[in-house]
C-alpha cells in the first residue's frame, strides 16, 4: 500500500546482491517460515 515500498525493496535487494547475499522480495501478504 506504500507507493515507494517496492522501489526501495528493489534497492535493498540489489544492495544485498552486490554483497553476495541472496534474498527474495515479497509483499506483506506473502509471509512464510523459510
ModelCIF file with pLDDT and N, C-alpha, C, O atoms, coordinates in Angstrom:
data_MODEL
#
_entry.id   MODEL 
#
_entity.id                         1 
_entity.type                       polymer 
_entity.pdbx_number_of_molecules   1 
#
_entity_poly.entity_id                      1 
_entity_poly.type                           'polypeptide(L)' 
_entity_poly.nstd_linkage                   no 
_entity_poly.nstd_monomer                   no 
_entity_poly.pdbx_seq_one_letter_code       
;(UNK)(UNK)(UNK)(UNK)(UNK)(UNK)(UNK)(UNK)(UNK)(UNK)(UNK)(UNK)(UNK)(UNK)(UNK)(UNK)
(UNK)(UNK)(UNK)(UNK)(UNK)(UNK)(UNK)(UNK)(UNK)(UNK)(UNK)(UNK)(UNK)(UNK)(UNK)(UNK)
(UNK)(UNK)
;
_entity_poly.pdbx_seq_one_letter_code_can   XXXXXXXXXXXXXXXXXXXXXXXXXXXXXXXXXX 
_entity_poly.pdbx_strand_id                 A 
#
loop_
_entity_poly_seq.entity_id 
_entity_poly_seq.num 
_entity_poly_seq.mon_id 
_entity_poly_seq.hetero 
1 1  UNK n 
1 2  UNK n 
1 3  UNK n 
1 4  UNK n 
1 5  UNK n 
1 6  UNK n 
1 7  UNK n 
1 8  UNK n 
1 9  UNK n 
1 10 UNK n 
1 11 UNK n 
1 12 UNK n 
1 13 UNK n 
1 14 UNK n 
1 15 UNK n 
1 16 UNK n 
1 17 UNK n 
1 18 UNK n 
1 19 UNK n 
1 20 UNK n 
1 21 UNK n 
1 22 UNK n 
1 23 UNK n 
1 24 UNK n 
1 25 UNK n 
1 26 UNK n 
1 27 UNK n 
1 28 UNK n 
1 29 UNK n 
1 30 UNK n 
1 31 UNK n 
1 32 UNK n 
1 33 UNK n 
1 34 UNK n 
#
_struct_asym.id          A 
_struct_asym.entity_id   1 
#
loop_
_ma_qa_metric.id 
_ma_qa_metric.mode 
_ma_qa_metric.name 
_ma_qa_metric.software_group_id 
_ma_qa_metric.type 
1 global pLDDT . pLDDT 
2 local  pLDDT . pLDDT 
#
_ma_qa_metric_global.metric_id      1 
_ma_qa_metric_global.metric_value   91.71 
_ma_qa_metric_global.model_id       1 
_ma_qa_metric_global.ordinal_id     1 
#
loop_
_ma_qa_metric_local.label_asym_id 
_ma_qa_metric_local.label_comp_id 
_ma_qa_metric_local.label_seq_id 
_ma_qa_metric_local.metric_id 
_ma_qa_metric_local.metric_value 
_ma_qa_metric_local.model_id 
_ma_qa_metric_local.ordinal_id 
A UNK 1  2 87.00 1 1  
A UNK 2  2 84.00 1 2  
A UNK 3  2 85.00 1 3  
A UNK 4  2 88.00 1 4  
A UNK 5  2 91.00 1 5  
A UNK 6  2 92.00 1 6  
A UNK 7  2 94.00 1 7  
A UNK 8  2 94.00 1 8  
A UNK 9  2 95.00 1 9  
A UNK 10 2 96.00 1 10 
A UNK 11 2 95.00 1 11 
A UNK 12 2 96.00 1 12 
A UNK 13 2 97.00 1 13 
A UNK 14 2 96.00 1 14 
A UNK 15 2 95.00 1 15 
A UNK 16 2 95.00 1 16 
A UNK 17 2 95.00 1 17 
A UNK 18 2 94.00 1 18 
A UNK 19 2 92.00 1 19 
A UNK 20 2 91.00 1 20 
A UNK 21 2 92.00 1 21 
A UNK 22 2 92.00 1 22 
A UNK 23 2 95.00 1 23 
A UNK 24 2 95.00 1 24 
A UNK 25 2 96.00 1 25 
A UNK 26 2 93.00 1 26 
A UNK 27 2 89.00 1 27 
A UNK 28 2 87.00 1 28 
A UNK 29 2 87.00 1 29 
A UNK 30 2 89.00 1 30 
A UNK 31 2 89.00 1 31 
A UNK 32 2 87.00 1 32 
A UNK 33 2 87.00 1 33 
A UNK 34 2 88.00 1 34 
#
loop_
_atom_site.group_PDB 
_atom_site.id 
_atom_site.type_symbol 
_atom_site.label_atom_id 
_atom_site.label_alt_id 
_atom_site.label_comp_id 
_atom_site.label_asym_id 
_atom_site.label_entity_id 
_atom_site.label_seq_id 
_atom_site.pdbx_PDB_ins_code 
_atom_site.Cartn_x 
_atom_site.Cartn_y 
_atom_site.Cartn_z 
_atom_site.occupancy 
_atom_site.B_iso_or_equiv 
_atom_site.pdbx_formal_charge 
_atom_site.auth_seq_id 
_atom_site.auth_comp_id 
_atom_site.auth_asym_id 
_atom_site.auth_atom_id 
_atom_site.pdbx_PDB_model_num 
ATOM 1   N N  . UNK A 1 1  ? 0.817  -1.211  0.000  1.00 87.00 ? 1  UNK A N  1 
ATOM 2   C CA . UNK A 1 1  ? 0.000  0.000   0.000  1.00 87.00 ? 1  UNK A CA 1 
ATOM 3   C C  . UNK A 1 1  ? 0.856  1.270   0.000  1.00 87.00 ? 1  UNK A C  1 
ATOM 4   O O  . UNK A 1 1  ? 0.341  2.365   -0.222 1.00 87.00 ? 1  UNK A O  1 
ATOM 5   N N  . UNK A 1 2  ? 2.157  1.125   0.247  1.00 84.00 ? 2  UNK A N  1 
ATOM 6   C CA . UNK A 1 2  ? 3.068  2.266   0.234  1.00 84.00 ? 2  UNK A CA 1 
ATOM 7   C C  . UNK A 1 2  ? 3.645  2.413   -1.170 1.00 84.00 ? 2  UNK A C  1 
ATOM 8   O O  . UNK A 1 2  ? 4.249  1.481   -1.701 1.00 84.00 ? 2  UNK A O  1 
ATOM 9   N N  . UNK A 1 3  ? 3.458  3.579   -1.764 1.00 85.00 ? 3  UNK A N  1 
ATOM 10  C CA . UNK A 1 3  ? 3.837  3.794   -3.168 1.00 85.00 ? 3  UNK A CA 1 
ATOM 11  C C  . UNK A 1 3  ? 5.329  3.604   -3.442 1.00 85.00 ? 3  UNK A C  1 
ATOM 12  O O  . UNK A 1 3  ? 5.689  3.142   -4.525 1.00 85.00 ? 3  UNK A O  1 
ATOM 13  N N  . UNK A 1 4  ? 6.194  3.940   -2.509 1.00 88.00 ? 4  UNK A N  1 
ATOM 14  C CA . UNK A 1 4  ? 7.637  3.848   -2.745 1.00 88.00 ? 4  UNK A CA 1 
ATOM 15  C C  . UNK A 1 4  ? 8.243  2.527   -2.273 1.00 88.00 ? 4  UNK A C  1 
ATOM 16  O O  . UNK A 1 4  ? 9.422  2.270   -2.518 1.00 88.00 ? 4  UNK A O  1 
ATOM 17  N N  . UNK A 1 5  ? 7.458  1.690   -1.602 1.00 91.00 ? 5  UNK A N  1 
ATOM 18  C CA . UNK A 1 5  ? 7.993  0.492   -0.954 1.00 91.00 ? 5  UNK A CA 1 
ATOM 19  C C  . UNK A 1 5  ? 8.605  -0.509  -1.927 1.00 91.00 ? 5  UNK A C  1 
ATOM 20  O O  . UNK A 1 5  ? 9.655  -1.082  -1.635 1.00 91.00 ? 5  UNK A O  1 
ATOM 21  N N  . UNK A 1 6  ? 7.978  -0.729  -3.066 1.00 92.00 ? 6  UNK A N  1 
ATOM 22  C CA . UNK A 1 6  ? 8.524  -1.719  -3.994 1.00 92.00 ? 6  UNK A CA 1 
ATOM 23  C C  . UNK A 1 6  ? 9.863  -1.259  -4.567 1.00 92.00 ? 6  UNK A C  1 
ATOM 24  O O  . UNK A 1 6  ? 10.787 -2.063  -4.691 1.00 92.00 ? 6  UNK A O  1 
ATOM 25  N N  . UNK A 1 7  ? 9.979  0.012   -4.915 1.00 94.00 ? 7  UNK A N  1 
ATOM 26  C CA . UNK A 1 7  ? 11.241 0.532   -5.446 1.00 94.00 ? 7  UNK A CA 1 
ATOM 27  C C  . UNK A 1 7  ? 12.358 0.438   -4.406 1.00 94.00 ? 7  UNK A C  1 
ATOM 28  O O  . UNK A 1 7  ? 13.492 0.099   -4.743 1.00 94.00 ? 7  UNK A O  1 
ATOM 29  N N  . UNK A 1 8  ? 12.045 0.735   -3.158 1.00 94.00 ? 8  UNK A N  1 
ATOM 30  C CA . UNK A 1 8  ? 13.050 0.654   -2.100 1.00 94.00 ? 8  UNK A CA 1 
ATOM 31  C C  . UNK A 1 8  ? 13.394 -0.803  -1.813 1.00 94.00 ? 8  UNK A C  1 
ATOM 32  O O  . UNK A 1 8  ? 14.540 -1.114  -1.488 1.00 94.00 ? 8  UNK A O  1 
ATOM 33  N N  . UNK A 1 9  ? 12.413 -1.702  -1.931 1.00 95.00 ? 9  UNK A N  1 
ATOM 34  C CA . UNK A 1 9  ? 12.687 -3.137  -1.788 1.00 95.00 ? 9  UNK A CA 1 
ATOM 35  C C  . UNK A 1 9  ? 13.673 -3.595  -2.862 1.00 95.00 ? 9  UNK A C  1 
ATOM 36  O O  . UNK A 1 9  ? 14.589 -4.369  -2.584 1.00 95.00 ? 9  UNK A O  1 
ATOM 37  N N  . UNK A 1 10 ? 13.479 -3.114  -4.081 1.00 96.00 ? 10 UNK A N  1 
ATOM 38  C CA . UNK A 1 10 ? 14.405 -3.451  -5.168 1.00 96.00 ? 10 UNK A CA 1 
ATOM 39  C C  . UNK A 1 10 ? 15.805 -2.925  -4.876 1.00 96.00 ? 10 UNK A C  1 
ATOM 40  O O  . UNK A 1 10 ? 16.791 -3.607  -5.157 1.00 96.00 ? 10 UNK A O  1 
ATOM 41  N N  . UNK A 1 11 ? 15.905 -1.727  -4.319 1.00 95.00 ? 11 UNK A N  1 
ATOM 42  C CA . UNK A 1 11 ? 17.202 -1.162  -3.941 1.00 95.00 ? 11 UNK A CA 1 
ATOM 43  C C  . UNK A 1 11 ? 17.877 -2.030  -2.883 1.00 95.00 ? 11 UNK A C  1 
ATOM 44  O O  . UNK A 1 11 ? 19.074 -2.301  -2.979 1.00 95.00 ? 11 UNK A O  1 
ATOM 45  N N  . UNK A 1 12 ? 17.131 -2.463  -1.888 1.00 96.00 ? 12 UNK A N  1 
ATOM 46  C CA . UNK A 1 12 ? 17.674 -3.341  -0.844 1.00 96.00 ? 12 UNK A CA 1 
ATOM 47  C C  . UNK A 1 12 ? 18.124 -4.666  -1.450 1.00 96.00 ? 12 UNK A C  1 
ATOM 48  O O  . UNK A 1 12 ? 19.204 -5.164  -1.132 1.00 96.00 ? 12 UNK A O  1 
ATOM 49  N N  . UNK A 1 13 ? 17.302 -5.232  -2.316 1.00 97.00 ? 13 UNK A N  1 
ATOM 50  C CA . UNK A 1 13 ? 17.646 -6.484  -2.995 1.00 97.00 ? 13 UNK A CA 1 
ATOM 51  C C  . UNK A 1 13 ? 18.965 -6.332  -3.754 1.00 97.00 ? 13 UNK A C  1 
ATOM 52  O O  . UNK A 1 13 ? 19.843 -7.189  -3.641 1.00 97.00 ? 13 UNK A O  1 
ATOM 53  N N  . UNK A 1 14 ? 19.113 -5.260  -4.519 1.00 96.00 ? 14 UNK A N  1 
ATOM 54  C CA . UNK A 1 14 ? 20.337 -5.021  -5.290 1.00 96.00 ? 14 UNK A CA 1 
ATOM 55  C C  . UNK A 1 14 ? 21.540 -4.794  -4.382 1.00 96.00 ? 14 UNK A C  1 
ATOM 56  O O  . UNK A 1 14 ? 22.645 -5.236  -4.697 1.00 96.00 ? 14 UNK A O  1 
ATOM 57  N N  . UNK A 1 15 ? 21.339 -4.115  -3.268 1.00 95.00 ? 15 UNK A N  1 
ATOM 58  C CA . UNK A 1 15 ? 22.418 -3.893  -2.301 1.00 95.00 ? 15 UNK A CA 1 
ATOM 59  C C  . UNK A 1 15 ? 22.905 -5.225  -1.743 1.00 95.00 ? 15 UNK A C  1 
ATOM 60  O O  . UNK A 1 15 ? 24.111 -5.460  -1.661 1.00 95.00 ? 15 UNK A O  1 
ATOM 61  N N  . UNK A 1 16 ? 21.981 -6.092  -1.363 1.00 95.00 ? 16 UNK A N  1 
ATOM 62  C CA . UNK A 1 16 ? 22.358 -7.413  -0.847 1.00 95.00 ? 16 UNK A CA 1 
ATOM 63  C C  . UNK A 1 16 ? 23.046 -8.243  -1.926 1.00 95.00 ? 16 UNK A C  1 
ATOM 64  O O  . UNK A 1 16 ? 24.044 -8.914  -1.661 1.00 95.00 ? 16 UNK A O  1 
ATOM 65  N N  . UNK A 1 17 ? 22.516 -8.195  -3.128 1.00 95.00 ? 17 UNK A N  1 
ATOM 66  C CA . UNK A 1 17 ? 23.089 -8.965  -4.234 1.00 95.00 ? 17 UNK A CA 1 
ATOM 67  C C  . UNK A 1 17 ? 24.540 -8.543  -4.519 1.00 95.00 ? 17 UNK A C  1 
ATOM 68  O O  . UNK A 1 17 ? 25.398 -9.397  -4.744 1.00 95.00 ? 17 UNK A O  1 
ATOM 69  N N  . UNK A 1 18 ? 24.816 -7.234  -4.510 1.00 94.00 ? 18 UNK A N  1 
ATOM 70  C CA . UNK A 1 18 ? 26.189 -6.734  -4.721 1.00 94.00 ? 18 UNK A CA 1 
ATOM 71  C C  . UNK A 1 18 ? 27.151 -7.252  -3.662 1.00 94.00 ? 18 UNK A C  1 
ATOM 72  O O  . UNK A 1 18 ? 28.350 -7.378  -3.908 1.00 94.00 ? 18 UNK A O  1 
ATOM 73  N N  . UNK A 1 19 ? 26.621 -7.549  -2.493 1.00 92.00 ? 19 UNK A N  1 
ATOM 74  C CA . UNK A 1 19 ? 27.461 -8.034  -1.392 1.00 92.00 ? 19 UNK A CA 1 
ATOM 75  C C  . UNK A 1 19 ? 27.470 -9.554  -1.319 1.00 92.00 ? 19 UNK A C  1 
ATOM 76  O O  . UNK A 1 19 ? 27.973 -10.131 -0.354 1.00 92.00 ? 19 UNK A O  1 
ATOM 77  N N  . UNK A 1 20 ? 26.911 -10.204 -2.343 1.00 91.00 ? 20 UNK A N  1 
ATOM 78  C CA . UNK A 1 20 ? 26.936 -11.662 -2.424 1.00 91.00 ? 20 UNK A CA 1 
ATOM 79  C C  . UNK A 1 20 ? 25.876 -12.360 -1.604 1.00 91.00 ? 20 UNK A C  1 
ATOM 80  O O  . UNK A 1 20 ? 26.017 -13.543 -1.293 1.00 91.00 ? 20 UNK A O  1 
ATOM 81  N N  . UNK A 1 21 ? 24.807 -11.649 -1.244 1.00 92.00 ? 21 UNK A N  1 
ATOM 82  C CA . UNK A 1 21 ? 23.750 -12.215 -0.416 1.00 92.00 ? 21 UNK A CA 1 
ATOM 83  C C  . UNK A 1 21 ? 22.489 -12.379 -1.253 1.00 92.00 ? 21 UNK A C  1 
ATOM 84  O O  . UNK A 1 21 ? 22.021 -11.429 -1.880 1.00 92.00 ? 21 UNK A O  1 
ATOM 85  N N  . UNK A 1 22 ? 21.943 -13.592 -1.257 1.00 92.00 ? 22 UNK A N  1 
ATOM 86  C CA . UNK A 1 22 ? 20.690 -13.854 -1.957 1.00 92.00 ? 22 UNK A CA 1 
ATOM 87  C C  . UNK A 1 22 ? 19.517 -13.502 -1.058 1.00 92.00 ? 22 UNK A C  1 
ATOM 88  O O  . UNK A 1 22 ? 19.554 -13.726 0.152  1.00 92.00 ? 22 UNK A O  1 
ATOM 89  N N  . UNK A 1 23 ? 18.491 -12.954 -1.659 1.00 95.00 ? 23 UNK A N  1 
ATOM 90  C CA . UNK A 1 23 ? 17.284 -12.626 -0.907 1.00 95.00 ? 23 UNK A CA 1 
ATOM 91  C C  . UNK A 1 23 ? 16.087 -12.744 -1.839 1.00 95.00 ? 23 UNK A C  1 
ATOM 92  O O  . UNK A 1 23 ? 16.231 -12.882 -3.054 1.00 95.00 ? 23 UNK A O  1 
ATOM 93  N N  . UNK A 1 24 ? 14.919 -12.686 -1.248 1.00 95.00 ? 24 UNK A N  1 
ATOM 94  C CA . UNK A 1 24 ? 13.668 -12.725 -2.007 1.00 95.00 ? 24 UNK A CA 1 
ATOM 95  C C  . UNK A 1 24 ? 12.805 -11.561 -1.578 1.00 95.00 ? 24 UNK A C  1 
ATOM 96  O O  . UNK A 1 24 ? 12.739 -11.228 -0.394 1.00 95.00 ? 24 UNK A O  1 
ATOM 97  N N  . UNK A 1 25 ? 12.141 -10.938 -2.545 1.00 96.00 ? 25 UNK A N  1 
ATOM 98  C CA . UNK A 1 25 ? 11.215 -9.844  -2.257 1.00 96.00 ? 25 UNK A CA 1 
ATOM 99  C C  . UNK A 1 25 ? 9.799  -10.399 -2.239 1.00 96.00 ? 25 UNK A C  1 
ATOM 100 O O  . UNK A 1 25 ? 9.390  -11.132 -3.140 1.00 96.00 ? 25 UNK A O  1 
ATOM 101 N N  . UNK A 1 26 ? 9.062  -10.039 -1.200 1.00 93.00 ? 26 UNK A N  1 
ATOM 102 C CA . UNK A 1 26 ? 7.682  -10.484 -1.038 1.00 93.00 ? 26 UNK A CA 1 
ATOM 103 C C  . UNK A 1 26 ? 6.854  -9.319  -0.488 1.00 93.00 ? 26 UNK A C  1 
ATOM 104 O O  . UNK A 1 26 ? 7.392  -8.399  0.127  1.00 93.00 ? 26 UNK A O  1 
ATOM 105 N N  . UNK A 1 27 ? 5.565  -9.372  -0.712 1.00 89.00 ? 27 UNK A N  1 
ATOM 106 C CA . UNK A 1 27 ? 4.693  -8.400  -0.059 1.00 89.00 ? 27 UNK A CA 1 
ATOM 107 C C  . UNK A 1 27 ? 4.368  -8.918  1.337  1.00 89.00 ? 27 UNK A C  1 
ATOM 108 O O  . UNK A 1 27 ? 4.682  -10.058 1.681  1.00 89.00 ? 27 UNK A O  1 
ATOM 109 N N  . UNK A 1 28 ? 3.745  -8.077  2.120  1.00 87.00 ? 28 UNK A N  1 
ATOM 110 C CA . UNK A 1 28 ? 3.381  -8.498  3.475  1.00 87.00 ? 28 UNK A CA 1 
ATOM 111 C C  . UNK A 1 28 ? 2.178  -9.439  3.479  1.00 87.00 ? 28 UNK A C  1 
ATOM 112 O O  . UNK A 1 28 ? 1.689  -9.814  4.545  1.00 87.00 ? 28 UNK A O  1 
ATOM 113 N N  . UNK A 1 29 ? 1.702  -9.818  2.308  1.00 87.00 ? 29 UNK A N  1 
ATOM 114 C CA . UNK A 1 29 ? 0.677  -10.856 2.194  1.00 87.00 ? 29 UNK A CA 1 
ATOM 115 C C  . UNK A 1 29 ? 1.297  -12.216 1.885  1.00 87.00 ? 29 UNK A C  1 
ATOM 116 O O  . UNK A 1 29 ? 0.577  -13.205 1.744  1.00 87.00 ? 29 UNK A O  1 
ATOM 117 N N  . UNK A 1 30 ? 2.619  -12.274 1.777  1.00 89.00 ? 30 UNK A N  1 
ATOM 118 C CA . UNK A 1 30 ? 3.300  -13.493 1.330  1.00 89.00 ? 30 UNK A CA 1 
ATOM 119 C C  . UNK A 1 30 ? 4.315  -14.017 2.348  1.00 89.00 ? 30 UNK A C  1 
ATOM 120 O O  . UNK A 1 30 ? 5.395  -14.460 1.959  1.00 89.00 ? 30 UNK A O  1 
ATOM 121 N N  . UNK A 1 31 ? 3.996  -13.976 3.615  1.00 89.00 ? 31 UNK A N  1 
ATOM 122 C CA . UNK A 1 31 ? 4.899  -14.494 4.633  1.00 89.00 ? 31 UNK A CA 1 
ATOM 123 C C  . UNK A 1 31 ? 5.011  -16.011 4.520  1.00 89.00 ? 31 UNK A C  1 
ATOM 124 O O  . UNK A 1 31 ? 4.048  -16.689 4.161  1.00 89.00 ? 31 UNK A O  1 
ATOM 125 N N  . UNK A 1 32 ? 6.187  -16.532 4.828  1.00 87.00 ? 32 UNK A N  1 
ATOM 126 C CA . UNK A 1 32 ? 6.361  -17.966 5.042  1.00 87.00 ? 32 UNK A CA 1 
ATOM 127 C C  . UNK A 1 32 ? 7.532  -18.160 5.990  1.00 87.00 ? 32 UNK A C  1 
ATOM 128 O O  . UNK A 1 32 ? 8.307  -17.235 6.231  1.00 87.00 ? 32 UNK A O  1 
ATOM 129 N N  . UNK A 1 33 ? 7.655  -19.346 6.517  1.00 87.00 ? 33 UNK A N  1 
ATOM 130 C CA . UNK A 1 33 ? 8.647  -19.596 7.571  1.00 87.00 ? 33 UNK A CA 1 
ATOM 131 C C  . UNK A 1 33 ? 10.045 -19.920 7.052  1.00 87.00 ? 33 UNK A C  1 
ATOM 132 O O  . UNK A 1 33 ? 10.892 -20.349 7.836  1.00 87.00 ? 33 UNK A O  1 
ATOM 133 N N  . UNK A 1 34 ? 10.316 -19.735 5.779  1.00 88.00 ? 34 UNK A N  1 
ATOM 134 C CA . UNK A 1 34 ? 11.585 -20.155 5.185  1.00 88.00 ? 34 UNK A CA 1 
ATOM 135 C C  . UNK A 1 34 ? 12.742 -19.177 5.355  1.00 88.00 ? 34 UNK A C  1 
ATOM 136 O O  . UNK A 1 34 ? 13.850 -19.443 4.889  1.00 88.00 ? 34 UNK A O  1 
#
